[in-house]
C-alpha atoms as a PDB file:
ATOM      1  CA  MET A   1     125.620  12.908  69.744  1.00  0.00           C
ATOM      2  CA  SER A   2     126.955  11.275  66.602  1.00  0.00           C
ATOM      3  CA  SER A   3     127.256  13.144  63.339  1.00  0.00           C
ATOM      4  CA  SER A   4     124.430  11.042  61.929  1.00  0.00           C
ATOM      5  CA  GLY A   5     122.346  11.923  64.970  1.00  0.00           C
ATOM      6  CA  SER A   6     123.239  15.571  64.466  1.00  0.00           C
ATOM      7  CA  ALA A   7     121.987  15.461  60.871  1.00  0.00           C
ATOM      8  CA  GLU A   8     118.761  13.828  62.044  1.00  0.00           C
ATOM      9  CA  GLN A   9     118.350  16.543  64.673  1.00  0.00           C
ATOM     10  CA  LEU A  10     118.825  19.224  62.022  1.00  0.00           C
ATOM     11  CA  ARG A  11     116.128  17.559  59.902  1.00  0.00           C
ATOM     12  CA  ARG A  12     113.755  17.549  62.904  1.00  0.00           C
ATOM     13  CA  GLU A  13     114.453  21.232  63.567  1.00  0.00           C
ATOM     14  CA  ALA A  14     113.832  22.032  59.888  1.00  0.00           C
ATOM     15  CA  ALA A  15     110.474  20.239  60.089  1.00  0.00           C
ATOM     16  CA  LYS A  16     109.582  22.283  63.172  1.00  0.00           C
ATOM     17  CA  ALA A  17     110.495  25.510  61.374  1.00  0.00           C
ATOM     18  CA  ARG A  18     108.302  24.535  58.409  1.00  0.00           C
ATOM     19  CA  LYS A  19     105.412  23.759  60.761  1.00  0.00           C
ATOM     20  CA  LEU A  20     105.835  27.126  62.442  1.00  0.00           C
ATOM     21  CA  ALA A  21     105.914  28.754  59.003  1.00  0.00           C
ATOM     22  CA  ASP A  22     102.606  27.087  58.144  1.00  0.00           C
ATOM     23  CA  ASN A  23     101.086  28.728  61.214  1.00  0.00           C
ATOM     24  CA  ALA A  24     102.827  32.093  60.855  1.00  0.00           C
ATOM     25  CA  PHE A  25     100.660  35.218  60.762  1.00  0.00           C
ATOM     26  CA  GLY A  26     102.771  37.399  58.508  1.00  0.00           C
ATOM     27  CA  GLU A  27     104.438  36.670  55.197  1.00  0.00           C
ATOM     28  CA  ALA A  28     107.749  38.068  56.453  1.00  0.00           C
ATOM     29  CA  GLU A  29     107.723  35.715  59.440  1.00  0.00           C
ATOM     30  CA  LYS A  30     106.731  32.805  57.216  1.00  0.00           C
ATOM     31  CA  GLY A  31     109.558  33.626  54.798  1.00  0.00           C
ATOM     32  CA  ARG A  32     112.149  33.809  57.584  1.00  0.00           C
ATOM     33  CA  LEU A  33     111.027  30.465  59.009  1.00  0.00           C
ATOM     34  CA  LEU A  34     111.139  28.812  55.592  1.00  0.00           C
ATOM     35  CA  ASP A  35     114.636  30.247  55.094  1.00  0.00           C
ATOM     36  CA  VAL A  36     115.687  28.745  58.425  1.00  0.00           C
ATOM     37  CA  ALA A  37     114.199  25.379  57.434  1.00  0.00           C
ATOM     38  CA  ALA A  38     116.016  25.435  54.087  1.00  0.00           C
ATOM     39  CA  SER A  39     119.297  26.342  55.782  1.00  0.00           C
ATOM     40  CA  LEU A  40     118.937  23.497  58.288  1.00  0.00           C
ATOM     41  CA  ASP A  41     118.133  21.058  55.474  1.00  0.00           C
ATOM     42  CA  ARG A  42     121.240  22.176  53.547  1.00  0.00           C
ATOM     43  CA  GLU A  43     123.412  21.766  56.632  1.00  0.00           C
ATOM     44  CA  ALA A  44     122.003  18.277  57.264  1.00  0.00           C
ATOM     45  CA  ALA A  45     122.571  17.309  53.625  1.00  0.00           C
ATOM     46  CA  ALA A  46     126.174  18.538  53.779  1.00  0.00           C
ATOM     47  CA  MET A  47     126.745  16.561  56.961  1.00  0.00           C
ATOM     48  CA  GLU A  48     125.225  13.408  55.428  1.00  0.00           C
ATOM     49  CA  THR A  49     127.368  13.826  52.315  1.00  0.00           C
ATOM     50  CA  ALA A  50     130.509  14.202  54.406  1.00  0.00           C
ATOM     51  CA  LEU A  51     129.609  11.051  56.347  1.00  0.00           C
ATOM     52  CA  ALA A  52     129.010   9.115  53.122  1.00  0.00           C
ATOM     53  CA  VAL A  53     132.348  10.251  51.676  1.00  0.00           C
ATOM     54  CA  ARG A  54     134.136   9.275  54.880  1.00  0.00           C
ATOM     55  CA  ALA A  55     132.468   5.843  54.860  1.00  0.00           C
ATOM     56  CA  ALA A  56     133.311   5.282  51.179  1.00  0.00           C
ATOM     57  CA  LYS A  57     136.944   6.241  51.776  1.00  0.00           C
ATOM     58  CA  ALA A  58     137.187   3.874  54.736  1.00  0.00           C
ATOM     59  CA  SER A  59     135.687   1.075  52.651  1.00  0.00           C
ATOM     60  CA  ALA A  60     138.088   1.740  49.773  1.00  0.00           C
ATOM     61  CA  ASP A  61     141.034   1.749  52.196  1.00  0.00           C
ATOM     62  CA  ARG A  62     139.946  -1.620  53.626  1.00  0.00           C
ATOM     63  CA  SER A  63     139.554  -3.063  50.121  1.00  0.00           C
ATOM     64  CA  PHE A  64     142.991  -1.835  49.105  1.00  0.00           C
ATOM     65  CA  ARG A  65     144.601  -3.370  52.197  1.00  0.00           C
ATOM     66  CA  THR A  66     142.833  -6.686  51.540  1.00  0.00           C
ATOM     67  CA  ILE A  67     143.912  -6.777  47.908  1.00  0.00           C
ATOM     68  CA  ARG A  68     147.479  -5.855  48.853  1.00  0.00           C
ATOM     69  CA  SER A  69     147.514  -8.613  51.485  1.00  0.00           C
ATOM     70  CA  ILE A  70     146.228 -11.220  49.013  1.00  0.00           C
ATOM     71  CA  ALA A  71     148.772 -10.173  46.398  1.00  0.00           C
ATOM     72  CA  ALA A  72     151.594 -10.305  48.934  1.00  0.00           C
ATOM     73  CA  SER A  73     150.565 -13.784  50.088  1.00  0.00           C
ATOM     74  CA  ARG A  74     150.596 -15.063  46.503  1.00  0.00           C
ATOM     75  CA  LEU A  75     154.108 -13.737  46.010  1.00  0.00           C
ATOM     76  CA  ASP A  76     155.407 -15.698  49.004  1.00  0.00           C
END
């Protein structure tokens, strides 16, 4: 499973935990399930942020190489 797919899976599991919390009998159980949902959402957000940073870095690296190549060709 890709990292993006993993983040999506975490979001689905968080939604399930929230649904279970809605149907929980006790406040303690509801609180624990909401804590689990929040934790899964935070983990998914961290994963998505890491993926975005990686993609931005790769894009910047490609841009730098292109600019360097153009500059080198003009110097020839």
